[in-house]
Structure formats: structure tokens, C-alpha cells
Amino acid sequence: MKSKLLPRLALALLLTEVLLLLLSWLLSAMPTAEVRSLLTGEGLRWLLGRMSGSLSTPILVWIVLLGMAWGCLRQSGLLASFSRSSSSAGSRSSSRDRIALFSVLVLLVFYAFVLMLLTAMPHAILLSATGELFPSPFSASIVPVIAFGITLCAVVYGVVSGRFNTLGEVYQSLVLGLRSVAPVLLFYILIMQIYFTVSFAFL
């Protein structure tokens, strides 16, 4: 059911974009309508010339970074370790998992300590010029900071637990994460294009 729904939804968004193009052209011919046609020279220059810039938003970076973090989290076994009982694995494997979890806990404490030094201390470098946390460089980078922290913890867990034995396995986990968010990237492009089309033509 899901495999049929998503392609149809993507097609519906694409058709919506086409209808908006035609609607902007039709309404721009009405003297009382304050609509800019996307099928004129100005509209086509905006549509093609600004497409890359319009799509290059922080949300795109967030999707990519969180996708890599998710792939690494799944492949490392850290996500499954919270729901897996110790009796279902051998004592050696359970011992390595416990050591790996302890390593992740130590890393999290150190990571939180570093973030505290960068944000909570007086005149911290990630605060705004007025000393505020929101908005600030930290608030602007909070999603990448979270994604990096998740990825780092997953890699440490995977290496210590023995699930990541080579650099290639870490690399593959990041690539698999990007593959898992590929549908999200497609819908991001379609939705953002509709949003910017409406903003240019009708608002």
C-alpha cells in the first residue's frame, strides 16, 4: 500500500506545480489580478535561475545530516541494543555490548560538557552578540550538532561492540542512511518548489 501511495503523492505534487504554472499564466491576463506569470520571460528566468538557490535551504542540509546519522545509528546496533534483552545474546557479546554502551555514555557526557563550555559559560563563543542562546550560532546549528552527536555515538558503539570492523563499514552505514532519506529529499524538492512558485506568482 505504501509503495503505491508515495509515487502517487509525488505525481500529485508534480501535477500541482504544473497547474500552478498554468494558473499563473491565466490569471496574469486578468487586469484586476495581481499575479505574475511563470510562463513569461521574467517568470522563466526566475524559475530556472533561482531553482538551485531556492532549494538550498538549511532544511536540505538537516535532512542529509539526519539521514546519515539514522543510517549509522541503525547499522551500528545502538538503536537495537535498547530493546534487546541480555539473555538473547551470548555472554561475550553481551559483555561487549555493555562496554560499548558505557563508552557511549562517557562520550555523551563529554559531548554535553563541551557544548556547555561553548554555550553556558559567560561570553561563550556560540552565543549571540548580546549573550542570548536563541537566536545564536548555537541555535542555528543545533540540528547539525545533534546529527553529529548521534553519528559519533553510533560509530563508537559500532566499533567497540565489533559491528564496525573497518572504515568501509562505517562509510556504508552513512551511505545507507542517505538512501533511506531519498524519498524525503524527493518530496522536499517538490514541496519547496510549489512553495516558492506560490510565493513568486501569487503573493
C-alpha atoms as a PDB file:
ATOM      1  CA  MET A   1       0.000   0.000   0.000  1.00  0.00           C
ATOM      2  CA  LYS A   2       2.782   2.387   0.941  1.00  0.00           C
ATOM      3  CA  SER A   3       4.714   1.581  -2.250  1.00  0.00           C
ATOM      4  CA  LYS A   4       1.728   2.759  -4.296  1.00  0.00           C
ATOM      5  CA  LEU A   5       0.807   5.760  -2.182  1.00  0.00           C
ATOM      6  CA  LEU A   6       4.145   7.560  -2.264  1.00  0.00           C
ATOM      7  CA  PRO A   7       4.578   7.539  -6.067  1.00  0.00           C
ATOM      8  CA  ARG A   8       1.016   8.783  -6.476  1.00  0.00           C
ATOM      9  CA  LEU A   9       1.588  11.521  -3.946  1.00  0.00           C
ATOM     10  CA  ALA A  10       4.765  12.573  -5.756  1.00  0.00           C
ATOM     11  CA  LEU A  11       2.873  12.654  -9.038  1.00  0.00           C
ATOM     12  CA  ALA A  12       0.114  14.727  -7.449  1.00  0.00           C
ATOM     13  CA  LEU A  13       2.672  17.280  -6.241  1.00  0.00           C
ATOM     14  CA  LEU A  14       4.251  17.428  -9.680  1.00  0.00           C
ATOM     15  CA  LEU A  15       0.847  17.987 -11.313  1.00  0.00           C
ATOM     16  CA  THR A  16       0.123  20.680  -8.740  1.00  0.00           C
ATOM     17  CA  GLU A  17       3.263  22.512  -9.834  1.00  0.00           C
ATOM     18  CA  VAL A  18       2.179  22.277 -13.487  1.00  0.00           C
ATOM     19  CA  LEU A  19      -1.299  23.561 -12.624  1.00  0.00           C
ATOM     20  CA  LEU A  20       0.211  26.482 -10.730  1.00  0.00           C
ATOM     21  CA  LEU A  21       2.252  27.401 -13.794  1.00  0.00           C
ATOM     22  CA  LEU A  22      -0.829  27.373 -15.993  1.00  0.00           C
ATOM     23  CA  LEU A  23      -2.960  29.167 -13.405  1.00  0.00           C
ATOM     24  CA  SER A  24      -0.405  31.939 -13.005  1.00  0.00           C
ATOM     25  CA  TRP A  25      -0.390  32.414 -16.787  1.00  0.00           C
ATOM     26  CA  LEU A  26      -4.193  32.549 -16.998  1.00  0.00           C
ATOM     27  CA  LEU A  27      -4.711  34.846 -14.014  1.00  0.00           C
ATOM     28  CA  SER A  28      -1.956  37.225 -15.093  1.00  0.00           C
ATOM     29  CA  ALA A  29      -4.064  38.070 -18.153  1.00  0.00           C
ATOM     30  CA  MET A  30      -6.788  39.481 -15.921  1.00  0.00           C
ATOM     31  CA  PRO A  31      -6.347  43.246 -15.392  1.00  0.00           C
ATOM     32  CA  THR A  32      -7.520  43.147 -11.768  1.00  0.00           C
ATOM     33  CA  ALA A  33      -5.417  40.159 -10.729  1.00  0.00           C
ATOM     34  CA  GLU A  34      -2.037  40.901  -9.172  1.00  0.00           C
ATOM     35  CA  VAL A  35      -0.441  37.702 -10.383  1.00  0.00           C
ATOM     36  CA  ARG A  36       2.911  37.250 -12.078  1.00  0.00           C
ATOM     37  CA  SER A  37       3.005  34.617 -14.775  1.00  0.00           C
ATOM     38  CA  LEU A  38       5.713  31.997 -14.571  1.00  0.00           C
ATOM     39  CA  LEU A  39       5.450  31.393 -18.310  1.00  0.00           C
ATOM     40  CA  THR A  40       6.748  34.834 -19.266  1.00  0.00           C
ATOM     41  CA  GLY A  41      10.387  35.790 -19.716  1.00  0.00           C
ATOM     42  CA  GLU A  42      10.575  37.122 -16.171  1.00  0.00           C
ATOM     43  CA  GLY A  43       8.883  34.071 -14.747  1.00  0.00           C
ATOM     44  CA  LEU A  44      11.049  31.574 -16.613  1.00  0.00           C
ATOM     45  CA  ARG A  45      14.215  33.420 -15.642  1.00  0.00           C
ATOM     46  CA  TRP A  46      13.134  33.275 -12.011  1.00  0.00           C
ATOM     47  CA  LEU A  47      12.009  29.647 -12.238  1.00  0.00           C
ATOM     48  CA  LEU A  48      15.213  28.358 -13.805  1.00  0.00           C
ATOM     49  CA  GLY A  49      17.714  30.841 -12.443  1.00  0.00           C
ATOM     50  CA  ARG A  50      16.584  30.695  -8.827  1.00  0.00           C
ATOM     51  CA  MET A  51      15.783  26.989  -8.591  1.00  0.00           C
ATOM     52  CA  SER A  52      19.098  25.909  -7.070  1.00  0.00           C
ATOM     53  CA  GLY A  53      19.141  28.841  -4.666  1.00  0.00           C
ATOM     54  CA  SER A  54      15.536  28.267  -3.629  1.00  0.00           C
ATOM     55  CA  LEU A  55      16.128  24.618  -2.838  1.00  0.00           C
ATOM     56  CA  SER A  56      19.374  25.281  -0.955  1.00  0.00           C
ATOM     57  CA  THR A  57      17.828  25.852   2.456  1.00  0.00           C
ATOM     58  CA  PRO A  58      19.047  24.665   5.874  1.00  0.00           C
ATOM     59  CA  ILE A  59      16.263  22.069   5.807  1.00  0.00           C
ATOM     60  CA  LEU A  60      18.011  20.272   2.943  1.00  0.00           C
ATOM     61  CA  VAL A  61      21.225  20.065   4.958  1.00  0.00           C
ATOM     62  CA  TRP A  62      19.290  18.864   8.002  1.00  0.00           C
ATOM     63  CA  ILE A  63      17.679  16.045   6.028  1.00  0.00           C
ATOM     64  CA  VAL A  64      21.039  14.880   4.677  1.00  0.00           C
ATOM     65  CA  LEU A  65      22.812  15.014   8.054  1.00  0.00           C
ATOM     66  CA  LEU A  66      19.971  13.357   9.974  1.00  0.00           C
ATOM     67  CA  GLY A  67      19.731  10.693   7.273  1.00  0.00           C
ATOM     68  CA  MET A  68      23.406   9.795   7.665  1.00  0.00           C
ATOM     69  CA  ALA A  69      23.024   9.784  11.450  1.00  0.00           C
ATOM     70  CA  TRP A  70      19.994   7.494  11.189  1.00  0.00           C
ATOM     71  CA  GLY A  71      21.803   5.044   8.921  1.00  0.00           C
ATOM     72  CA  CYS A  72      24.814   4.905  11.211  1.00  0.00           C
ATOM     73  CA  LEU A  73      22.573   4.502  14.256  1.00  0.00           C
ATOM     74  CA  ARG A  74      20.759   1.532  12.718  1.00  0.00           C
ATOM     75  CA  GLN A  75      23.800  -0.230  11.295  1.00  0.00           C
ATOM     76  CA  SER A  76      25.832   0.140  14.482  1.00  0.00           C
ATOM     77  CA  GLY A  77      23.254  -1.763  16.518  1.00  0.00           C
ATOM     78  CA  LEU A  78      22.946   1.021  19.075  1.00  0.00           C
ATOM     79  CA  LEU A  79      19.268   1.525  18.333  1.00  0.00           C
ATOM     80  CA  ALA A  80      18.509  -2.188  18.686  1.00  0.00           C
ATOM     81  CA  SER A  81      20.554  -2.546  21.858  1.00  0.00           C
ATOM     82  CA  PHE A  82      17.950  -0.671  23.896  1.00  0.00           C
ATOM     83  CA  SER A  83      15.239  -3.215  23.058  1.00  0.00           C
ATOM     84  CA  ARG A  84      17.363  -6.364  23.005  1.00  0.00           C
ATOM     85  CA  SER A  85      17.459  -8.406  26.203  1.00  0.00           C
ATOM     86  CA  SER A  86      20.773  -9.671  27.518  1.00  0.00           C
ATOM     87  CA  SER A  87      19.518 -13.253  27.543  1.00  0.00           C
ATOM     88  CA  SER A  88      19.114 -13.341  23.782  1.00  0.00           C
ATOM     89  CA  ALA A  89      22.873 -12.988  23.184  1.00  0.00           C
ATOM     90  CA  GLY A  90      25.923 -14.820  24.412  1.00  0.00           C
ATOM     91  CA  SER A  91      27.794 -13.647  27.473  1.00  0.00           C
ATOM     92  CA  ARG A  92      30.751 -12.447  25.396  1.00  0.00           C
ATOM     93  CA  SER A  93      28.533 -10.478  23.062  1.00  0.00           C
ATOM     94  CA  SER A  94      26.559  -9.041  25.973  1.00  0.00           C
ATOM     95  CA  SER A  95      29.768  -8.027  27.700  1.00  0.00           C
ATOM     96  CA  ARG A  96      30.995  -6.191  24.602  1.00  0.00           C
ATOM     97  CA  ASP A  97      27.615  -4.507  24.241  1.00  0.00           C
ATOM     98  CA  ARG A  98      27.722  -3.320  27.849  1.00  0.00           C
ATOM     99  CA  ILE A  99      31.224  -1.951  27.352  1.00  0.00           C
ATOM    100  CA  ALA A 100      30.063  -0.258  24.137  1.00  0.00           C
ATOM    101  CA  LEU A 101      27.067   1.301  25.895  1.00  0.00           C
ATOM    102  CA  PHE A 102      29.308   2.535  28.702  1.00  0.00           C
ATOM    103  CA  SER A 103      31.647   4.065  26.112  1.00  0.00           C
ATOM    104  CA  VAL A 104      28.702   5.847  24.510  1.00  0.00           C
ATOM    105  CA  LEU A 105      27.586   7.152  27.912  1.00  0.00           C
ATOM    106  CA  VAL A 106      31.077   8.537  28.618  1.00  0.00           C
ATOM    107  CA  LEU A 107      31.138  10.122  25.163  1.00  0.00           C
ATOM    108  CA  LEU A 108      27.719  11.714  25.701  1.00  0.00           C
ATOM    109  CA  VAL A 109      28.836  13.223  28.994  1.00  0.00           C
ATOM    110  CA  PHE A 110      31.975  14.607  27.356  1.00  0.00           C
ATOM    111  CA  TYR A 111      29.978  15.903  24.373  1.00  0.00           C
ATOM    112  CA  ALA A 112      27.470  17.624  26.663  1.00  0.00           C
ATOM    113  CA  PHE A 113      30.325  19.115  28.684  1.00  0.00           C
ATOM    114  CA  VAL A 114      31.937  20.580  25.559  1.00  0.00           C
ATOM    115  CA  LEU A 115      28.599  22.022  24.439  1.00  0.00           C
ATOM    116  CA  MET A 116      28.117  23.531  27.874  1.00  0.00           C
ATOM    117  CA  LEU A 117      31.514  25.225  27.637  1.00  0.00           C
ATOM    118  CA  LEU A 118      30.572  26.607  24.227  1.00  0.00           C
ATOM    119  CA  THR A 119      27.134  27.873  25.256  1.00  0.00           C
ATOM    120  CA  ALA A 120      26.650  28.181  29.010  1.00  0.00           C
ATOM    121  CA  MET A 121      29.803  29.989  30.061  1.00  0.00           C
ATOM    122  CA  PRO A 122      29.948  33.808  30.114  1.00  0.00           C
ATOM    123  CA  HIS A 123      30.939  35.171  26.700  1.00  0.00           C
ATOM    124  CA  ALA A 124      30.725  31.677  25.191  1.00  0.00           C
ATOM    125  CA  ILE A 125      31.645  31.635  21.517  1.00  0.00           C
ATOM    126  CA  LEU A 126      28.356  30.081  20.343  1.00  0.00           C
ATOM    127  CA  LEU A 127      26.166  32.710  21.994  1.00  0.00           C
ATOM    128  CA  SER A 128      24.835  35.707  20.110  1.00  0.00           C
ATOM    129  CA  ALA A 129      26.472  39.133  20.316  1.00  0.00           C
ATOM    130  CA  THR A 130      24.002  40.022  23.076  1.00  0.00           C
ATOM    131  CA  GLY A 131      24.683  36.816  25.021  1.00  0.00           C
ATOM    132  CA  GLU A 132      21.425  35.099  24.032  1.00  0.00           C
ATOM    133  CA  LEU A 133      21.131  31.383  23.269  1.00  0.00           C
ATOM    134  CA  PHE A 134      18.113  31.821  20.977  1.00  0.00           C
ATOM    135  CA  PRO A 135      18.784  33.124  18.400  1.00  0.00           C
ATOM    136  CA  SER A 136      22.511  32.452  18.265  1.00  0.00           C
ATOM    137  CA  PRO A 137      25.073  30.487  16.264  1.00  0.00           C
ATOM    138  CA  PHE A 138      24.254  27.527  18.510  1.00  0.00           C
ATOM    139  CA  SER A 139      20.520  27.625  17.763  1.00  0.00           C
ATOM    140  CA  ALA A 140      21.278  27.923  14.040  1.00  0.00           C
ATOM    141  CA  SER A 141      23.448  24.810  14.188  1.00  0.00           C
ATOM    142  CA  ILE A 142      21.500  22.728  16.696  1.00  0.00           C
ATOM    143  CA  VAL A 143      20.337  20.133  14.139  1.00  0.00           C
ATOM    144  CA  PRO A 144      23.853  19.530  12.746  1.00  0.00           C
ATOM    145  CA  VAL A 145      25.166  19.354  16.330  1.00  0.00           C
ATOM    146  CA  ILE A 146      22.563  16.711  17.200  1.00  0.00           C
ATOM    147  CA  ALA A 147      23.215  14.770  13.989  1.00  0.00           C
ATOM    148  CA  PHE A 148      26.972  14.809  14.583  1.00  0.00           C
ATOM    149  CA  GLY A 149      26.488  13.663  18.179  1.00  0.00           C
ATOM    150  CA  ILE A 150      24.271  10.757  17.100  1.00  0.00           C
ATOM    151  CA  THR A 151      26.709   9.734  14.378  1.00  0.00           C
ATOM    152  CA  LEU A 152      29.685   9.901  16.739  1.00  0.00           C
ATOM    153  CA  CYS A 153      27.934   7.814  19.399  1.00  0.00           C
ATOM    154  CA  ALA A 154      26.827   5.256  16.810  1.00  0.00           C
ATOM    155  CA  VAL A 155      30.332   4.912  15.386  1.00  0.00           C
ATOM    156  CA  VAL A 156      31.850   4.469  18.861  1.00  0.00           C
ATOM    157  CA  TYR A 157      29.232   1.865  19.755  1.00  0.00           C
ATOM    158  CA  GLY A 158      29.703   0.028  16.481  1.00  0.00           C
ATOM    159  CA  VAL A 159      33.496  -0.070  16.808  1.00  0.00           C
ATOM    160  CA  VAL A 160      33.558  -1.115  20.475  1.00  0.00           C
ATOM    161  CA  SER A 161      30.813  -3.722  20.034  1.00  0.00           C
ATOM    162  CA  GLY A 162      32.530  -5.172  16.970  1.00  0.00           C
ATOM    163  CA  ARG A 163      29.815  -4.343  14.452  1.00  0.00           C
ATOM    164  CA  PHE A 164      32.072  -1.879  12.676  1.00  0.00           C
ATOM    165  CA  ASN A 165      35.371  -3.571  11.928  1.00  0.00           C
ATOM    166  CA  THR A 166      36.560  -1.457   9.012  1.00  0.00           C
ATOM    167  CA  LEU A 167      36.289   2.116   7.819  1.00  0.00           C
ATOM    168  CA  GLY A 168      34.331   0.816   4.845  1.00  0.00           C
ATOM    169  CA  GLU A 169      31.549  -0.445   7.121  1.00  0.00           C
ATOM    170  CA  VAL A 170      31.197   2.989   8.715  1.00  0.00           C
ATOM    171  CA  TYR A 171      31.113   4.523   5.246  1.00  0.00           C
ATOM    172  CA  GLN A 172      28.447   2.078   4.101  1.00  0.00           C
ATOM    173  CA  SER A 173      26.265   2.889   7.107  1.00  0.00           C
ATOM    174  CA  LEU A 174      26.356   6.585   6.199  1.00  0.00           C
ATOM    175  CA  VAL A 175      25.512   5.810   2.564  1.00  0.00           C
ATOM    176  CA  LEU A 176      22.631   3.554   3.586  1.00  0.00           C
ATOM    177  CA  GLY A 177      21.330   6.395   5.704  1.00  0.00           C
ATOM    178  CA  LEU A 178      21.321   8.682   2.682  1.00  0.00           C
ATOM    179  CA  ARG A 179      19.431   6.048   0.712  1.00  0.00           C
ATOM    180  CA  SER A 180      16.815   5.810   3.449  1.00  0.00           C
ATOM    181  CA  VAL A 181      16.033   9.540   3.230  1.00  0.00           C
ATOM    182  CA  ALA A 182      15.995   9.645  -0.582  1.00  0.00           C
ATOM    183  CA  PRO A 183      12.143   9.697  -0.660  1.00  0.00           C
ATOM    184  CA  VAL A 184      12.193  12.586   1.826  1.00  0.00           C
ATOM    185  CA  LEU A 185      14.565  14.503  -0.453  1.00  0.00           C
ATOM    186  CA  LEU A 186      12.236  13.983  -3.407  1.00  0.00           C
ATOM    187  CA  PHE A 187       9.218  15.302  -1.523  1.00  0.00           C
ATOM    188  CA  TYR A 188      11.297  18.155  -0.138  1.00  0.00           C
ATOM    189  CA  ILE A 189      12.151  19.280  -3.676  1.00  0.00           C
ATOM    190  CA  LEU A 190       8.544  19.038  -4.856  1.00  0.00           C
ATOM    191  CA  ILE A 191       7.040  20.793  -1.842  1.00  0.00           C
ATOM    192  CA  MET A 192       9.631  23.574  -1.772  1.00  0.00           C
ATOM    193  CA  GLN A 193       9.198  24.195  -5.483  1.00  0.00           C
ATOM    194  CA  ILE A 194       5.437  24.567  -5.000  1.00  0.00           C
ATOM    195  CA  TYR A 195       6.018  26.897  -2.061  1.00  0.00           C
ATOM    196  CA  PHE A 196       8.368  29.199  -3.967  1.00  0.00           C
ATOM    197  CA  THR A 197       6.125  29.123  -7.035  1.00  0.00           C
ATOM    198  CA  VAL A 198       3.181  30.311  -4.983  1.00  0.00           C
ATOM    199  CA  SER A 199       5.349  32.960  -3.295  1.00  0.00           C
ATOM    200  CA  PHE A 200       6.540  34.356  -6.620  1.00  0.00           C
ATOM    201  CA  ALA A 201       3.323  34.235  -8.582  1.00  0.00           C
ATOM    202  CA  PHE A 202       0.526  34.813  -6.096  1.00  0.00           C
ATOM    203  CA  LEU A 203       1.954  36.547  -3.023  1.00  0.00           C
END
